[in-house]
Amino acid sequence: MLSDRRLRTFLRRWRRRYPGPVPWVDDRANKAARRSEAAWLEQFAGRSSLKRREVKALVGWRFDDVATEQQLALRGLDDWGHARRCVKKALGATSPTDALDCLLGERGGIAGWRPAMASALLAACRPDRYAVVDERALRALAGLGVVTPVTADGVDPGDWWPYLRACRDLARRSGLPLRSVAQALWAAAEESPKLPADDRPARRGTAAHQR
């Protein structure tokens, strides 16, 4: 098992590389980008409902470089009355899985919405409770031996609770905010084969253990 000190060093190192974990983007540029992103996201923190233009802005933020996913998520807002109710219900939910389910298209939520977009909205509005889940962060957690993704490609709804629980645990052990942990995992994804070993067994979560 990684010591808390080693884990903190690892997460802080990779958080500095977010959002541009490439050799030609230095830590100073990344820090400026994080500050800008955090300032923009602040408008959503603590909200119990959102306007259509605000949800569209979050879709653009989450999928700024994935046009097909962006278009799919935006189409779900065509029925704004239903989408607005889903968002309000999700932000009022106390269970992480209930909150995600309120937004997932396959579970009666917003058409075309998958875990990546649903978790992005939750993380923007409840940054102390939720983190954005995506394939990159899951890959990093798998490299740490903390979580085994449900599928080898993409994000399954079943990944949500194990992922979130792992991020919360890492935040507690490292002393970093939940958002910083998710950012570090995202940045570290391409180094997953070289991640420091963690001999803790992969865990699966159930709704009964959520809080």
Protein backbone atom coordinates (compact mmCIF):
# COMPACT_ATOMS: atom_id res chain seq x y z
CA MET A 1 0.00 0.00 0.00
CA LEU A 2 1.27 3.47 -0.83
CA SER A 3 2.09 5.56 2.20
CA ASP A 4 0.07 8.75 2.60
CA ARG A 5 3.25 10.76 2.09
CA ARG A 6 4.11 8.98 -1.16
CA LEU A 7 0.55 9.23 -2.36
CA ARG A 8 0.44 12.96 -1.60
CA THR A 9 3.67 13.49 -3.54
CA PHE A 10 2.34 11.52 -6.51
CA LEU A 11 -0.98 13.40 -6.65
CA ARG A 12 0.58 16.84 -6.20
CA ARG A 13 3.10 16.10 -8.93
CA TRP A 14 0.46 15.12 -11.44
CA ARG A 15 -2.00 17.80 -10.45
CA ARG A 16 0.61 20.34 -11.58
CA ARG A 17 0.40 18.80 -15.07
CA TYR A 18 -3.35 19.39 -15.41
CA PRO A 19 -4.84 20.31 -17.86
CA GLY A 20 -1.89 19.97 -20.26
CA PRO A 21 0.21 16.90 -19.34
CA VAL A 22 2.53 17.29 -22.30
CA PRO A 23 6.19 18.41 -22.51
CA TRP A 24 5.44 21.69 -24.30
CA VAL A 25 3.04 22.98 -21.61
CA ASP A 26 4.91 24.00 -18.46
CA ASP A 27 3.66 24.06 -14.87
CA ARG A 28 3.17 27.83 -14.93
CA ALA A 29 0.83 27.65 -17.91
CA ASN A 30 -1.06 24.76 -16.33
CA LYS A 31 -1.45 26.68 -13.08
CA ALA A 32 -2.92 29.66 -14.92
CA ALA A 33 -5.33 27.36 -16.75
CA ARG A 34 -6.45 25.72 -13.49
CA ARG A 35 -7.06 29.08 -11.89
CA SER A 36 -9.11 30.21 -14.86
CA GLU A 37 -11.12 27.00 -14.87
CA ALA A 38 -11.73 27.16 -11.11
CA ALA A 39 -12.90 30.77 -11.33
CA TRP A 40 -15.32 29.86 -14.11
CA LEU A 41 -16.65 26.78 -12.29
CA GLU A 42 -17.28 28.80 -9.14
CA GLN A 43 -20.52 30.12 -10.63
CA PHE A 44 -22.03 26.63 -10.39
CA ALA A 45 -20.94 25.66 -6.87
CA GLY A 46 -23.82 25.13 -4.47
CA ARG A 47 -26.54 25.67 -7.05
CA SER A 48 -29.82 23.76 -6.71
CA SER A 49 -30.92 24.39 -10.30
CA LEU A 50 -29.39 25.62 -13.54
CA LYS A 51 -30.52 27.56 -16.58
CA ARG A 52 -30.39 25.99 -20.01
CA ARG A 53 -27.52 28.22 -21.16
CA GLU A 54 -25.55 27.22 -18.06
CA VAL A 55 -26.00 23.51 -18.72
CA LYS A 56 -25.01 24.06 -22.35
CA ALA A 57 -21.87 25.82 -21.11
CA LEU A 58 -21.02 22.81 -18.93
CA VAL A 59 -21.48 20.50 -21.89
CA GLY A 60 -19.06 22.65 -23.87
CA TRP A 61 -16.57 22.57 -21.00
CA ARG A 62 -16.75 18.80 -20.58
CA PHE A 63 -16.56 17.97 -24.29
CA ASP A 64 -14.64 20.89 -25.75
CA ASP A 65 -12.54 18.52 -27.86
CA VAL A 66 -15.08 15.71 -28.50
CA ALA A 67 -17.62 17.06 -30.97
CA THR A 68 -19.73 13.91 -31.23
CA GLU A 69 -20.22 13.61 -27.47
CA GLN A 70 -20.93 17.33 -27.22
CA GLN A 71 -23.62 17.17 -29.88
CA LEU A 72 -25.21 14.13 -28.27
CA ALA A 73 -25.33 15.79 -24.85
CA LEU A 74 -26.69 19.05 -26.29
CA ARG A 75 -29.51 17.27 -28.11
CA GLY A 76 -30.73 16.02 -24.76
CA LEU A 77 -31.47 19.63 -23.80
CA ASP A 78 -34.01 20.03 -26.60
CA ASP A 79 -36.67 18.91 -24.12
CA TRP A 80 -35.58 21.52 -21.62
CA GLY A 81 -38.53 21.06 -19.28
CA HIS A 82 -37.59 17.44 -18.68
CA ALA A 83 -33.85 18.19 -18.56
CA ARG A 84 -34.37 21.00 -16.04
CA ARG A 85 -36.34 18.68 -13.76
CA CYS A 86 -33.65 16.02 -14.02
CA VAL A 87 -30.94 18.50 -13.07
CA LYS A 88 -32.87 19.84 -10.10
CA LYS A 89 -33.68 16.33 -8.87
CA ALA A 90 -30.05 15.23 -9.24
CA LEU A 91 -28.74 18.21 -7.29
CA GLY A 92 -31.22 17.50 -4.51
CA ALA A 93 -30.35 13.80 -4.22
CA THR A 94 -28.37 12.59 -1.22
CA SER A 95 -27.16 9.31 -2.74
CA PRO A 96 -24.36 9.51 -5.35
CA THR A 97 -25.91 6.76 -7.47
CA ASP A 98 -29.36 8.34 -7.27
CA ALA A 99 -27.88 11.68 -8.32
CA LEU A 100 -26.15 10.13 -11.32
CA ASP A 101 -29.20 8.07 -12.30
CA CYS A 102 -31.34 11.21 -12.39
CA LEU A 103 -29.19 12.46 -15.26
CA LEU A 104 -28.42 9.30 -17.24
CA GLY A 105 -30.40 8.98 -20.44
CA GLU A 106 -30.57 5.19 -20.17
CA ARG A 107 -32.28 5.52 -16.78
CA GLY A 108 -34.91 8.08 -17.67
CA GLY A 109 -32.70 11.12 -17.30
CA ILE A 110 -31.49 13.46 -20.03
CA ALA A 111 -31.41 11.79 -23.43
CA GLY A 112 -27.90 11.02 -24.59
CA TRP A 113 -26.29 11.75 -21.23
CA ARG A 114 -23.74 9.25 -19.99
CA PRO A 115 -21.65 9.10 -16.80
CA ALA A 116 -19.00 11.50 -18.15
CA MET A 117 -21.45 14.36 -18.64
CA ALA A 118 -23.65 13.55 -15.67
CA SER A 119 -20.68 13.48 -13.29
CA ALA A 120 -19.32 16.72 -14.75
CA LEU A 121 -22.50 18.58 -13.85
CA LEU A 122 -22.57 17.06 -10.37
CA ALA A 123 -18.89 17.87 -9.78
CA ALA A 124 -19.36 21.45 -10.95
CA CYS A 125 -22.28 22.06 -8.60
CA ARG A 126 -21.12 19.91 -5.67
CA PRO A 127 -17.30 19.96 -5.84
CA ASP A 128 -16.93 18.79 -2.24
CA ARG A 129 -19.01 15.65 -2.91
CA TYR A 130 -18.45 14.62 -6.52
CA ALA A 131 -15.67 14.28 -9.07
CA VAL A 132 -15.75 14.05 -12.85
CA VAL A 133 -15.41 10.44 -13.96
CA ASP A 134 -13.84 9.57 -17.28
CA GLU A 135 -11.81 6.85 -18.93
CA ARG A 136 -8.46 8.56 -18.25
CA ALA A 137 -8.97 8.87 -14.50
CA LEU A 138 -10.25 5.29 -14.31
CA ARG A 139 -7.14 4.14 -16.14
CA ALA A 140 -4.94 5.87 -13.58
CA LEU A 141 -6.84 4.29 -10.69
CA ALA A 142 -6.49 0.90 -12.34
CA GLY A 143 -2.74 1.52 -12.59
CA LEU A 144 -2.69 2.24 -8.86
CA GLY A 145 -4.53 -1.03 -8.25
CA VAL A 146 -7.38 0.80 -6.53
CA VAL A 147 -10.32 0.24 -8.90
CA THR A 148 -10.98 -2.22 -11.70
CA PRO A 149 -13.16 -0.60 -14.41
CA VAL A 150 -16.30 -2.49 -15.42
CA THR A 151 -15.28 -2.36 -19.08
CA ALA A 152 -11.97 -1.86 -20.84
CA ASP A 153 -13.40 0.87 -23.05
CA GLY A 154 -15.28 3.93 -21.83
CA VAL A 155 -17.11 4.51 -18.54
CA ASP A 156 -19.94 2.29 -17.32
CA PRO A 157 -22.51 3.53 -14.78
CA GLY A 158 -21.23 0.75 -12.53
CA ASP A 159 -17.86 2.54 -12.37
CA TRP A 160 -19.35 5.60 -10.72
CA TRP A 161 -19.52 4.63 -7.05
CA PRO A 162 -16.21 2.69 -6.88
CA TYR A 163 -14.52 5.60 -8.66
CA LEU A 164 -16.04 8.25 -6.41
CA ARG A 165 -15.31 6.29 -3.26
CA ALA A 166 -11.69 5.86 -4.36
CA CYS A 167 -11.34 9.59 -5.10
CA ARG A 168 -12.79 10.48 -1.72
CA ASP A 169 -10.35 8.13 -0.03
CA LEU A 170 -7.42 9.60 -1.95
CA ALA A 171 -8.56 13.12 -1.03
CA ARG A 172 -8.73 12.16 2.64
CA ARG A 173 -5.31 10.51 2.62
CA SER A 174 -3.57 13.23 0.61
CA GLY A 175 -5.26 16.29 2.10
CA LEU A 176 -6.11 17.53 -1.40
CA PRO A 177 -9.55 18.72 -2.54
CA LEU A 178 -11.62 16.16 -4.41
CA ARG A 179 -11.35 18.17 -7.63
CA SER A 180 -7.55 18.22 -7.36
CA VAL A 181 -7.46 14.45 -6.97
CA ALA A 182 -9.55 13.97 -10.12
CA GLN A 183 -7.33 16.40 -12.01
CA ALA A 184 -4.19 14.55 -10.93
CA LEU A 185 -5.63 11.20 -11.99
CA TRP A 186 -6.64 12.60 -15.37
CA ALA A 187 -3.16 13.98 -15.97
CA ALA A 188 -1.44 10.77 -14.87
CA ALA A 189 -3.45 8.49 -17.15
CA GLU A 190 -0.85 8.09 -19.89
CA GLU A 191 1.70 7.04 -17.29
CA SER A 192 -0.55 4.32 -15.89
CA PRO A 193 1.88 1.47 -16.67
CA LYS A 194 4.50 3.31 -14.61
CA LEU A 195 2.30 4.31 -11.68
CA PRO A 196 3.62 3.40 -8.23
CA ALA A 197 2.37 0.02 -7.07
CA ASP A 198 -0.47 -0.21 -4.58
CA ASP A 199 -1.16 -3.69 -3.24
CA ARG A 200 -4.62 -2.94 -1.90
CA PRO A 201 -7.23 -5.19 -3.54
CA ALA A 202 -9.62 -3.54 -5.99
CA ARG A 203 -12.93 -2.83 -4.30
CA ARG A 204 -16.51 -2.77 -5.46
CA GLY A 205 -19.03 -0.46 -3.84
CA THR A 206 -22.76 -0.87 -3.31
CA ALA A 207 -25.49 1.64 -2.72
CA ALA A 208 -25.83 0.37 0.84
CA HIS A 209 -22.39 1.78 1.67
CA GLN A 210 -22.96 5.22 0.20
CA ARG A 211 -23.15 8.30 2.34
